[in-house]
Amino acid sequence: MNITTKASAGTMQSSDLMVHVEPADGLEIEIESTVKKQFEHLIRARIEATLQRNSVTRARVKVTDRGALDYAIEARVEAALRRAAEV
């Protein structure tokens, strides 16, 4: 998947997250979370798996998490990717 424009998905409500995606030369992932100390590695792994499943190798992904569960992380990242990709 080729990321060609900025896009976002999600909300800032409790148990949700906001994902911003934009074009970049490499793959950059930035995570802000209310549970960062405990779960950053798991959040990052879920984001990386979603990027890999969609064949994204170049993008800047910024995630602001408010305690979202795995399925919400995957859904929001995928929605942002599809909005940012050329179709």
Foldseek 3Di string as FASTA:
>chain_A
DAFAAWFWFWDPDAQAKIKIKHFAPFEAEAEAEPCCVPCVVVLVVLLVVLCVVVVHGTMYMYMYYRNHDSVRSSVRSVVRRVVRDDD
